[in-house]
PDB file of N, CA and C in Angstrom:
ATOM      1  N   UNK A   1     -12.324 -15.926  -2.826  1.00  0.00           N
ATOM      2  CA  UNK A   1     -11.562 -15.308  -2.241  1.00  0.00           C
ATOM      3  C   UNK A   1     -11.070 -14.639  -3.838  1.00  0.00           C
ATOM      4  N   UNK A   2     -12.065 -14.483  -4.794  1.00  0.00           N
ATOM      5  CA  UNK A   2     -11.184 -14.483  -6.177  1.00  0.00           C
ATOM      6  C   UNK A   2     -11.490 -12.999  -6.120  1.00  0.00           C
ATOM      7  N   UNK A   3     -11.243 -12.017  -5.358  1.00  0.00           N
ATOM      8  CA  UNK A   3     -11.324 -10.570  -5.569  1.00  0.00           C
ATOM      9  C   UNK A   3     -10.037 -10.155  -4.564  1.00  0.00           C
ATOM     10  N   UNK A   4      -9.857 -11.345  -3.587  1.00  0.00           N
ATOM     11  CA  UNK A   4      -8.781 -10.699  -2.752  1.00  0.00           C
ATOM     12  C   UNK A   4      -7.188 -11.043  -3.453  1.00  0.00           C
ATOM     13  N   UNK A   5      -6.504 -10.092  -2.590  1.00  0.00           N
ATOM     14  CA  UNK A   5      -5.318  -9.369  -3.425  1.00  0.00           C
ATOM     15  C   UNK A   5      -4.080 -10.498  -3.272  1.00  0.00           C
ATOM     16  N   UNK A   6      -3.170 -10.810  -3.919  1.00  0.00           N
ATOM     17  CA  UNK A   6      -2.324 -12.314  -3.637  1.00  0.00           C
ATOM     18  C   UNK A   6      -0.886 -11.430  -3.489  1.00  0.00           C
ATOM     19  N   UNK A   7      -0.297 -11.677  -2.075  1.00  0.00           N
ATOM     20  CA  UNK A   7       1.307 -11.155  -2.332  1.00  0.00           C
ATOM     21  C   UNK A   7       2.141 -12.467  -2.341  1.00  0.00           C
ATOM     22  N   UNK A   8       3.329 -12.237  -3.270  1.00  0.00           N
ATOM     23  CA  UNK A   8       4.228 -13.174  -3.159  1.00  0.00           C
ATOM     24  C   UNK A   8       5.200 -12.645  -2.430  1.00  0.00           C
ATOM     25  N   UNK A   9       6.497 -13.695  -2.620  1.00  0.00           N
ATOM     26  CA  UNK A   9       7.702 -13.441  -1.874  1.00  0.00           C
ATOM     27  C   UNK A   9       8.725 -12.339  -2.663  1.00  0.00           C
ATOM     28  N   UNK A  10       9.338 -11.546  -1.747  1.00  0.00           N
ATOM     29  CA  UNK A  10      10.396 -10.315  -2.602  1.00  0.00           C
ATOM     30  C   UNK A  10      11.842 -11.225  -2.111  1.00  0.00           C
ATOM     31  N   UNK A  11      12.346 -11.873  -3.138  1.00  0.00           N
ATOM     32  CA  UNK A  11      13.288 -12.434  -2.597  1.00  0.00           C
ATOM     33  C   UNK A  11      14.617 -12.677  -3.824  1.00  0.00           C
ATOM     34  N   UNK A  12      15.863 -11.777  -3.570  1.00  0.00           N
ATOM     35  CA  UNK A  12      17.191 -11.691  -4.377  1.00  0.00           C
ATOM     36  C   UNK A  12      16.310 -10.563  -5.456  1.00  0.00           C
ATOM     37  N   UNK A  13      15.570  -9.371  -5.245  1.00  0.00           N
ATOM     38  CA  UNK A  13      15.547  -8.365  -6.103  1.00  0.00           C
ATOM     39  C   UNK A  13      13.845  -9.167  -7.030  1.00  0.00           C
ATOM     40  N   UNK A  14      13.282  -9.917  -6.869  1.00  0.00           N
ATOM     41  CA  UNK A  14      11.977 -10.493  -7.689  1.00  0.00           C
ATOM     42  C   UNK A  14      10.991 -10.908  -6.770  1.00  0.00           C
ATOM     43  N   UNK A  15       9.972 -10.673  -7.107  1.00  0.00           N
ATOM     44  CA  UNK A  15       8.670 -11.187  -6.453  1.00  0.00           C
ATOM     45  C   UNK A  15       8.152 -12.414  -6.817  1.00  0.00           C
ATOM     46  N   UNK A  16       8.259 -13.726  -6.186  1.00  0.00           N
ATOM     47  CA  UNK A  16       7.771 -15.023  -6.711  1.00  0.00           C
ATOM     48  C   UNK A  16       6.935 -15.779  -5.519  1.00  0.00           C
ATOM     49  N   UNK A  17       6.006 -16.946  -5.798  1.00  0.00           N
ATOM     50  CA  UNK A  17       5.660 -17.494  -5.162  1.00  0.00           C
ATOM     51  C   UNK A  17       6.584 -18.502  -4.184  1.00  0.00           C
ATOM     52  N   UNK A  18       6.382 -18.744  -3.123  1.00  0.00           N
ATOM     53  CA  UNK A  18       7.303 -19.440  -2.317  1.00  0.00           C
ATOM     54  C   UNK A  18       7.402 -20.693  -2.555  1.00  0.00           C
ATOM     55  N   UNK A  19       8.424 -21.549  -2.301  1.00  0.00           N
ATOM     56  CA  UNK A  19       8.849 -22.960  -2.966  1.00  0.00           C
ATOM     57  C   UNK A  19       7.714 -23.720  -2.574  1.00  0.00           C
ATOM     58  N   UNK A  20       6.987 -23.706  -1.567  1.00  0.00           N
ATOM     59  CA  UNK A  20       6.109 -24.475  -1.357  1.00  0.00           C
ATOM     60  C   UNK A  20       4.562 -24.402  -2.181  1.00  0.00           C
ATOM     61  N   UNK A  21       4.705 -23.694  -3.155  1.00  0.00           N
ATOM     62  CA  UNK A  21       3.396 -22.886  -3.790  1.00  0.00           C
ATOM     63  C   UNK A  21       1.792 -22.554  -2.822  1.00  0.00           C
ATOM     64  N   UNK A  22       2.245 -22.955  -2.093  1.00  0.00           N
ATOM     65  CA  UNK A  22       1.123 -22.942  -0.697  1.00  0.00           C
ATOM     66  C   UNK A  22       0.545 -21.164  -0.515  1.00  0.00           C
ATOM     67  N   UNK A  23      -0.335 -20.846  -0.037  1.00  0.00           N
ATOM     68  CA  UNK A  23      -0.572 -19.315   0.626  1.00  0.00           C
ATOM     69  C   UNK A  23      -1.363 -19.659   1.642  1.00  0.00           C
ATOM     70  N   UNK A  24      -1.377 -18.547   2.864  1.00  0.00           N
ATOM     71  CA  UNK A  24      -1.592 -18.231   3.518  1.00  0.00           C
ATOM     72  C   UNK A  24      -2.828 -17.109   3.628  1.00  0.00           C
ATOM     73  N   UNK A  25      -3.695 -17.707   4.253  1.00  0.00           N
ATOM     74  CA  UNK A  25      -4.722 -15.958   4.116  1.00  0.00           C
ATOM     75  C   UNK A  25      -4.757 -15.152   5.342  1.00  0.00           C
ATOM     76  N   UNK A  26      -4.775 -14.106   5.004  1.00  0.00           N
ATOM     77  CA  UNK A  26      -4.907 -12.878   5.930  1.00  0.00           C
ATOM     78  C   UNK A  26      -6.441 -12.707   5.747  1.00  0.00           C
ATOM     79  N   UNK A  27      -6.699 -12.400   7.314  1.00  0.00           N
ATOM     80  CA  UNK A  27      -8.385 -12.291   7.901  1.00  0.00           C
ATOM     81  C   UNK A  27      -8.479 -10.722   8.200  1.00  0.00           C
ATOM     82  N   UNK A  28      -9.546 -10.162   7.704  1.00  0.00           N
ATOM     83  CA  UNK A  28      -9.393  -8.878   8.690  1.00  0.00           C
ATOM     84  C   UNK A  28     -10.439  -9.515  10.185  1.00  0.00           C
ATOM     85  N   UNK A  29      -9.588  -9.260  11.265  1.00  0.00           N
ATOM     86  CA  UNK A  29     -10.532  -9.338  12.237  1.00  0.00           C
ATOM     87  C   UNK A  29     -11.909  -8.590  12.553  1.00  0.00           C
ATOM     88  N   UNK A  30     -12.036  -7.629  12.252  1.00  0.00           N
ATOM     89  CA  UNK A  30     -13.136  -6.841  12.645  1.00  0.00           C
ATOM     90  C   UNK A  30     -14.613  -7.178  11.478  1.00  0.00           C
ATOM     91  N   UNK A  31     -13.699  -8.226  10.319  1.00  0.00           N
ATOM     92  CA  UNK A  31     -14.657  -8.088   9.722  1.00  0.00           C
ATOM     93  C   UNK A  31     -15.215  -9.943   9.474  1.00  0.00           C
ATOM     94  N   UNK A  32     -13.778 -10.541   9.913  1.00  0.00           N
ATOM     95  CA  UNK A  32     -13.633 -12.251  10.064  1.00  0.00           C
ATOM     96  C   UNK A  32     -13.832 -12.547   8.192  1.00  0.00           C
ATOM     97  N   UNK A  33     -13.413 -11.525   7.606  1.00  0.00           N
ATOM     98  CA  UNK A  33     -13.573 -11.758   5.880  1.00  0.00           C
ATOM     99  C   UNK A  33     -11.981 -12.246   5.326  1.00  0.00           C
ATOM    100  N   UNK A  34     -11.915 -12.896   4.529  1.00  0.00           N
ATOM    101  CA  UNK A  34     -10.380 -12.843   3.755  1.00  0.00           C
ATOM    102  C   UNK A  34     -10.023 -11.525   3.085  1.00  0.00           C
ATOM    103  N   UNK A  35      -9.500 -10.909   3.160  1.00  0.00           N
ATOM    104  CA  UNK A  35      -8.901  -9.824   2.442  1.00  0.00           C
ATOM    105  C   UNK A  35      -7.718 -10.261   1.237  1.00  0.00           C
ATOM    106  N   UNK A  36      -7.114 -11.077   1.745  1.00  0.00           N
ATOM    107  CA  UNK A  36      -5.782 -10.835   1.050  1.00  0.00           C
ATOM    108  C   UNK A  36      -5.178 -12.906   0.888  1.00  0.00           C
ATOM    109  N   UNK A  37      -4.143 -12.560   0.402  1.00  0.00           N
ATOM    110  CA  UNK A  37      -3.521 -13.865   0.708  1.00  0.00           C
ATOM    111  C   UNK A  37      -1.673 -13.700   0.753  1.00  0.00           C
ATOM    112  N   UNK A  38      -1.431 -14.439   1.037  1.00  0.00           N
ATOM    113  CA  UNK A  38       0.649 -14.246   0.915  1.00  0.00           C
ATOM    114  C   UNK A  38       1.042 -15.813   0.694  1.00  0.00           C
ATOM    115  N   UNK A  39       2.392 -15.403   0.255  1.00  0.00           N
ATOM    116  CA  UNK A  39       2.574 -16.701  -0.127  1.00  0.00           C
ATOM    117  C   UNK A  39       3.397 -17.832   1.084  1.00  0.00           C
ATOM    118  N   UNK A  40       3.432 -18.503   1.248  1.00  0.00           N
ATOM    119  CA  UNK A  40       3.879 -19.446   2.337  1.00  0.00           C
ATOM    120  C   UNK A  40       5.634 -19.401   1.852  1.00  0.00           C
ATOM    121  N   UNK A  41       6.401 -19.352   2.784  1.00  0.00           N
ATOM    122  CA  UNK A  41       7.917 -18.971   2.523  1.00  0.00           C
ATOM    123  C   UNK A  41       8.367 -21.021   3.051  1.00  0.00           C
ATOM    124  N   UNK A  42       9.174 -21.510   2.714  1.00  0.00           N
ATOM    125  CA  UNK A  42       9.941 -22.700   2.718  1.00  0.00           C
ATOM    126  C   UNK A  42      11.051 -22.097   3.603  1.00  0.00           C
ATOM    127  N   UNK A  43      12.064 -22.851   4.208  1.00  0.00           N
ATOM    128  CA  UNK A  43      12.973 -22.879   4.783  1.00  0.00           C
ATOM    129  C   UNK A  43      14.075 -22.596   3.788  1.00  0.00           C
ATOM    130  N   UNK A  44      13.656 -22.931   2.495  1.00  0.00           N
ATOM    131  CA  UNK A  44      15.329 -23.096   1.328  1.00  0.00           C
ATOM    132  C   UNK A  44      14.624 -21.513   1.120  1.00  0.00           C
ATOM    133  N   UNK A  45      13.171 -20.735   1.273  1.00  0.00           N
ATOM    134  CA  UNK A  45      13.299 -19.817   0.532  1.00  0.00           C
ATOM    135  C   UNK A  45      13.912 -18.751   1.638  1.00  0.00           C
ATOM    136  N   UNK A  46      13.541 -18.940   2.893  1.00  0.00           N
ATOM    137  CA  UNK A  46      13.939 -18.110   4.073  1.00  0.00           C
ATOM    138  C   UNK A  46      15.670 -18.372   4.045  1.00  0.00           C
ATOM    139  N   UNK A  47      16.582 -19.207   3.938  1.00  0.00           N
ATOM    140  CA  UNK A  47      18.024 -19.306   3.500  1.00  0.00           C
ATOM    141  C   UNK A  47      18.251 -18.810   2.434  1.00  0.00           C
ATOM    142  N   UNK A  48      17.667 -18.540   1.051  1.00  0.00           N
ATOM    143  CA  UNK A  48      18.004 -17.333   0.297  1.00  0.00           C
ATOM    144  C   UNK A  48      17.654 -16.172   0.506  1.00  0.00           C
ATOM    145  N   UNK A  49      16.647 -15.995   0.909  1.00  0.00           N
ATOM    146  CA  UNK A  49      16.153 -15.079   1.502  1.00  0.00           C
ATOM    147  C   UNK A  49      17.651 -14.150   2.268  1.00  0.00           C
ATOM    148  N   UNK A  50      17.928 -14.489   3.011  1.00  0.00           N
ATOM    149  CA  UNK A  50      18.967 -14.375   4.120  1.00  0.00           C
ATOM    150  C   UNK A  50      20.339 -14.154   3.452  1.00  0.00           C
ATOM    151  N   UNK A  51      20.634 -15.117   2.564  1.00  0.00           N
ATOM    152  CA  UNK A  51      21.808 -14.902   1.786  1.00  0.00           C
ATOM    153  C   UNK A  51      21.648 -13.763   1.336  1.00  0.00           C
ATOM    154  N   UNK A  52      20.744 -12.929   0.474  1.00  0.00           N
ATOM    155  CA  UNK A  52      20.711 -12.569  -0.582  1.00  0.00           C
ATOM    156  C   UNK A  52      20.997 -10.826   0.482  1.00  0.00           C
ATOM    157  N   UNK A  53      20.050 -10.892   1.591  1.00  0.00           N
ATOM    158  CA  UNK A  53      20.348  -9.765   2.407  1.00  0.00           C
ATOM    159  C   UNK A  53      21.391  -9.407   3.023  1.00  0.00           C
ATOM    160  N   UNK A  54      22.345 -10.499   3.109  1.00  0.00           N
ATOM    161  CA  UNK A  54      23.882 -10.068   3.515  1.00  0.00           C
ATOM    162  C   UNK A  54      24.486  -9.863   1.833  1.00  0.00           C
ATOM    163  N   UNK A  55      24.430 -10.095   1.411  1.00  0.00           N
ATOM    164  CA  UNK A  55      25.184  -9.875  -0.468  1.00  0.00           C
ATOM    165  C   UNK A  55      24.905  -8.261  -0.208  1.00  0.00           C
ATOM    166  N   UNK A  56      23.218  -7.893  -0.008  1.00  0.00           N
ATOM    167  CA  UNK A  56      22.898  -6.701  -0.095  1.00  0.00           C
ATOM    168  C   UNK A  56      23.557  -5.704   0.932  1.00  0.00           C
ATOM    169  N   UNK A  57      24.021  -6.078   1.989  1.00  0.00           N
ATOM    170  CA  UNK A  57      24.347  -5.517   3.302  1.00  0.00           C
ATOM    171  C   UNK A  57      25.815  -5.023   2.935  1.00  0.00           C
ATOM    172  N   UNK A  58      26.171  -5.966   2.326  1.00  0.00           N
ATOM    173  CA  UNK A  58      27.636  -5.737   1.997  1.00  0.00           C
ATOM    174  C   UNK A  58      28.035  -4.731   0.887  1.00  0.00           C
ATOM    175  N   UNK A  59      26.863  -4.647  -0.048  1.00  0.00           N
ATOM    176  CA  UNK A  59      27.048  -3.328  -1.271  1.00  0.00           C
ATOM    177  C   UNK A  59      26.609  -2.425  -0.525  1.00  0.00           C
ATOM    178  N   UNK A  60      25.394  -2.596   0.700  1.00  0.00           N
ATOM    179  CA  UNK A  60      25.074  -1.385   0.579  1.00  0.00           C
ATOM    180  C   UNK A  60      25.973  -0.189   1.618  1.00  0.00           C
ATOM    181  N   UNK A  61      26.605  -0.957   2.656  1.00  0.00           N
ATOM    182  CA  UNK A  61      27.755  -0.448   2.992  1.00  0.00           C
ATOM    183  C   UNK A  61      28.871   0.170   2.327  1.00  0.00           C
ATOM    184  N   UNK A  62      29.025  -0.443   1.522  1.00  0.00           N
ATOM    185  CA  UNK A  62      30.115   0.262   0.541  1.00  0.00           C
ATOM    186  C   UNK A  62      29.633   1.620  -0.101  1.00  0.00           C
ATOM    187  N   UNK A  63      28.619   1.922  -0.140  1.00  0.00           N
ATOM    188  CA  UNK A  63      28.396   3.344  -0.689  1.00  0.00           C
ATOM    189  C   UNK A  63      28.589   4.625   0.359  1.00  0.00           C
ATOM    190  N   UNK A  64      29.216   5.371  -0.699  1.00  0.00           N
ATOM    191  CA  UNK A  64      29.196   6.396   0.496  1.00  0.00           C
ATOM    192  C   UNK A  64      27.977   7.187   1.380  1.00  0.00           C
ATOM    193  N   UNK A  65      28.111   7.355   2.502  1.00  0.00           N
ATOM    194  CA  UNK A  65      27.138   7.796   3.250  1.00  0.00           C
ATOM    195  C   UNK A  65      26.257   8.797   2.643  1.00  0.00           C
ATOM    196  N   UNK A  66      26.639  10.093   1.993  1.00  0.00           N
ATOM    197  CA  UNK A  66      26.005  10.719   1.271  1.00  0.00           C
ATOM    198  C   UNK A  66      24.914  10.362   0.423  1.00  0.00           C
ATOM    199  N   UNK A  67      25.092   9.120   0.115  1.00  0.00           N
ATOM    200  CA  UNK A  67      24.559   8.405  -1.473  1.00  0.00           C
ATOM    201  C   UNK A  67      23.221   7.582  -0.495  1.00  0.00           C
ATOM    202  N   UNK A  68      23.804   6.683   0.225  1.00  0.00           N
ATOM    203  CA  UNK A  68      22.444   6.135   1.141  1.00  0.00           C
ATOM    204  C   UNK A  68      21.637   7.001   1.853  1.00  0.00           C
ATOM    205  N   UNK A  69      21.865   8.035   2.144  1.00  0.00           N
ATOM    206  CA  UNK A  69      20.777   9.122   2.606  1.00  0.00           C
ATOM    207  C   UNK A  69      20.200   9.390   1.673  1.00  0.00           C
ATOM    208  N   UNK A  70      20.358   9.795   0.841  1.00  0.00           N
ATOM    209  CA  UNK A  70      19.694  10.415  -0.496  1.00  0.00           C
ATOM    210  C   UNK A  70      18.556   9.427  -0.834  1.00  0.00           C
ATOM    211  N   UNK A  71      19.042   7.892  -0.756  1.00  0.00           N
ATOM    212  CA  UNK A  71      18.148   6.880  -1.051  1.00  0.00           C
ATOM    213  C   UNK A  71      17.162   6.724  -0.189  1.00  0.00           C
ATOM    214  N   UNK A  72      17.338   6.662   1.498  1.00  0.00           N
ATOM    215  CA  UNK A  72      16.461   6.827   2.157  1.00  0.00           C
ATOM    216  C   UNK A  72      15.978   7.801   2.236  1.00  0.00           C
ATOM    217  N   UNK A  73      16.116   9.275   1.911  1.00  0.00           N
ATOM    218  CA  UNK A  73      14.946  10.512   1.864  1.00  0.00           C
ATOM    219  C   UNK A  73      14.035  10.176   0.649  1.00  0.00           C
ATOM    220  N   UNK A  74      14.612   9.951  -0.237  1.00  0.00           N
ATOM    221  CA  UNK A  74      13.771   9.610  -1.871  1.00  0.00           C
ATOM    222  C   UNK A  74      13.032   8.100  -0.882  1.00  0.00           C
ATOM    223  N   UNK A  75      13.257   7.214  -0.349  1.00  0.00           N
ATOM    224  CA  UNK A  75      12.094   5.909   0.305  1.00  0.00           C
ATOM    225  C   UNK A  75      11.139   6.821   0.762  1.00  0.00           C
ATOM    226  N   UNK A  76      11.784   7.260   1.615  1.00  0.00           N
ATOM    227  CA  UNK A  76      10.869   7.884   2.765  1.00  0.00           C
ATOM    228  C   UNK A  76       9.723   8.696   2.266  1.00  0.00           C
ATOM    229  N   UNK A  77       9.901   9.296   1.011  1.00  0.00           N
ATOM    230  CA  UNK A  77       9.139  10.241   0.407  1.00  0.00           C
ATOM    231  C   UNK A  77       8.238   9.222  -0.575  1.00  0.00           C
ATOM    232  N   UNK A  78       8.850   8.171  -1.118  1.00  0.00           N
ATOM    233  CA  UNK A  78       7.742   7.293  -1.681  1.00  0.00           C
ATOM    234  C   UNK A  78       6.772   7.020  -0.605  1.00  0.00           C
ATOM    235  N   UNK A  79       7.240   6.335   0.408  1.00  0.00           N
ATOM    236  CA  UNK A  79       6.583   5.809   1.299  1.00  0.00           C
ATOM    237  C   UNK A  79       5.387   6.878   1.990  1.00  0.00           C
ATOM    238  N   UNK A  80       5.820   8.054   1.820  1.00  0.00           N
ATOM    239  CA  UNK A  80       4.895   9.335   2.387  1.00  0.00           C
ATOM    240  C   UNK A  80       3.591   9.456   1.469  1.00  0.00           C
ATOM    241  N   UNK A  81       4.219   9.012   0.413  1.00  0.00           N
ATOM    242  CA  UNK A  81       3.003   9.415  -1.232  1.00  0.00           C
ATOM    243  C   UNK A  81       1.933   8.492  -0.916  1.00  0.00           C
ATOM    244  N   UNK A  82       2.290   7.084  -0.337  1.00  0.00           N
ATOM    245  CA  UNK A  82       1.218   5.769  -0.237  1.00  0.00           C
ATOM    246  C   UNK A  82       1.098   5.570   1.124  1.00  0.00           C
ATOM    247  N   UNK A  83       1.072   6.800   1.836  1.00  0.00           N
ATOM    248  CA  UNK A  83      -0.055   6.591   3.459  1.00  0.00           C
ATOM    249  C   UNK A  83      -1.176   6.083   3.429  1.00  0.00           C
ATOM    250  N   UNK A  84      -1.813   6.766   2.729  1.00  0.00           N
ATOM    251  CA  UNK A  84      -3.070   6.528   2.879  1.00  0.00           C
ATOM    252  C   UNK A  84      -3.590   4.939   2.262  1.00  0.00           C
ATOM    253  N   UNK A  85      -2.773   4.673   1.692  1.00  0.00           N
ATOM    254  CA  UNK A  85      -3.252   2.921   1.167  1.00  0.00           C
ATOM    255  C   UNK A  85      -2.374   2.209   2.420  1.00  0.00           C
ATOM    256  N   UNK A  86      -1.176   2.245   2.820  1.00  0.00           N
ATOM    257  CA  UNK A  86      -0.576   1.939   3.685  1.00  0.00           C
ATOM    258  C   UNK A  86      -1.843   1.375   4.973  1.00  0.00           C
ATOM    259  N   UNK A  87      -2.348   2.909   5.462  1.00  0.00           N
ATOM    260  CA  UNK A  87      -3.312   2.977   6.352  1.00  0.00           C
ATOM    261  C   UNK A  87      -4.552   1.712   6.092  1.00  0.00           C
ATOM    262  N   UNK A  88      -5.075   2.037   4.992  1.00  0.00           N
ATOM    263  CA  UNK A  88      -6.060   1.043   4.658  1.00  0.00           C
ATOM    264  C   UNK A  88      -5.910  -0.539   4.915  1.00  0.00           C
ATOM    265  N   UNK A  89      -4.567  -0.682   4.179  1.00  0.00           N
ATOM    266  CA  UNK A  89      -4.115  -2.186   4.179  1.00  0.00           C
ATOM    267  C   UNK A  89      -3.945  -2.595   5.786  1.00  0.00           C
ATOM    268  N   UNK A  90      -3.391  -1.843   6.616  1.00  0.00           N
ATOM    269  CA  UNK A  90      -3.107  -1.866   7.638  1.00  0.00           C
ATOM    270  C   UNK A  90      -4.152  -2.338   8.629  1.00  0.00           C
ATOM    271  N   UNK A  91      -5.498  -1.341   8.467  1.00  0.00           N
ATOM    272  CA  UNK A  91      -6.793  -1.388   9.214  1.00  0.00           C
ATOM    273  C   UNK A  91      -7.329  -2.464   8.334  1.00  0.00           C
ATOM    274  N   UNK A  92      -7.232  -3.111   7.331  1.00  0.00           N
ATOM    275  CA  UNK A  92      -8.149  -4.638   6.780  1.00  0.00           C
ATOM    276  C   UNK A  92      -7.113  -5.821   7.681  1.00  0.00           C
ATOM    277  N   UNK A  93      -5.556  -5.598   7.680  1.00  0.00           N
ATOM    278  CA  UNK A  93      -5.309  -6.299   8.496  1.00  0.00           C
ATOM    279  C   UNK A  93      -5.412  -6.484   9.364  1.00  0.00           C
ATOM    280  N   UNK A  94      -5.710  -5.622  10.768  1.00  0.00           N
ATOM    281  CA  UNK A  94      -5.467  -5.867  11.971  1.00  0.00           C
ATOM    282  C   UNK A  94      -6.746  -5.175  12.381  1.00  0.00           C
ATOM    283  N   UNK A  95      -7.747  -4.914  11.888  1.00  0.00           N
ATOM    284  CA  UNK A  95      -9.090  -4.508  12.407  1.00  0.00           C
ATOM    285  C   UNK A  95      -9.299  -3.013  12.803  1.00  0.00           C
ATOM    286  N   UNK A  96      -8.067  -2.308  12.732  1.00  0.00           N
ATOM    287  CA  UNK A  96      -7.938  -0.812  13.767  1.00  0.00           C
ATOM    288  C   UNK A  96      -8.949  -0.134  12.837  1.00  0.00           C
ATOM    289  N   UNK A  97      -9.272   1.366  13.115  1.00  0.00           N
ATOM    290  CA  UNK A  97      -9.540   2.185  12.612  1.00  0.00           C
ATOM    291  C   UNK A  97      -8.434   2.709  11.363  1.00  0.00           C
ATOM    292  N   UNK A  98      -8.908   3.840  10.403  1.00  0.00           N
ATOM    293  CA  UNK A  98      -8.216   3.974   9.506  1.00  0.00           C
ATOM    294  C   UNK A  98      -7.283   5.107  10.549  1.00  0.00           C
ATOM    295  N   UNK A  99      -7.710   5.897  11.267  1.00  0.00           N
ATOM    296  CA  UNK A  99      -7.056   6.689  12.274  1.00  0.00           C
ATOM    297  C   UNK A  99      -5.609   6.000  12.910  1.00  0.00           C
ATOM    298  N   UNK A 100      -6.388   5.295  13.395  1.00  0.00           N
ATOM    299  CA  UNK A 100      -5.535   4.359  14.491  1.00  0.00           C
ATOM    300  C   UNK A 100      -3.897   3.653  13.439  1.00  0.00           C
ATOM    301  N   UNK A 101      -4.618   3.360  12.546  1.00  0.00           N
ATOM    302  CA  UNK A 101      -3.690   2.335  11.404  1.00  0.00           C
ATOM    303  C   UNK A 101      -2.689   3.628  10.572  1.00  0.00           C
ATOM    304  N   UNK A 102      -3.408   4.825  10.441  1.00  0.00           N
ATOM    305  CA  UNK A 102      -2.594   5.759  10.042  1.00  0.00           C
ATOM    306  C   UNK A 102      -1.528   6.237  11.202  1.00  0.00           C
ATOM    307  N   UNK A 103      -1.675   6.400  12.260  1.00  0.00           N
ATOM    308  CA  UNK A 103      -1.014   6.759  13.432  1.00  0.00           C
ATOM    309  C   UNK A 103       0.538   5.859  13.435  1.00  0.00           C
ATOM    310  N   UNK A 104       0.175   4.379  13.124  1.00  0.00           N
ATOM    311  CA  UNK A 104       1.075   3.447  13.092  1.00  0.00           C
ATOM    312  C   UNK A 104       2.056   3.487  11.970  1.00  0.00           C
ATOM    313  N   UNK A 105       1.365   3.785  11.040  1.00  0.00           N
ATOM    314  CA  UNK A 105       2.259   4.106   9.857  1.00  0.00           C
ATOM    315  C   UNK A 105       3.434   5.026   9.701  1.00  0.00           C
TER     316      UNK A 105
END
């Protein structure tokens, strides 16, 4: 699994390992090969993520609607630029064809 990608948790604006430091394999069901690993979150990690999300929700809702809209349009543009990579990842994760994964994206 040395060439497989590894994904951490994104909590409170930072990427990090889970509290348990354990990881879970992500297996492509079409090939039955591990293509990535993901950090395993603990209850403490989840509590921290929920607390951070609530703080962020309050800050987000206090922004003017026009500003929130501009941020969302910018985010959509970034996601559209990454559609091909996202489709490849979905295909590996779910065993779908690229066409099916692109339609899901």
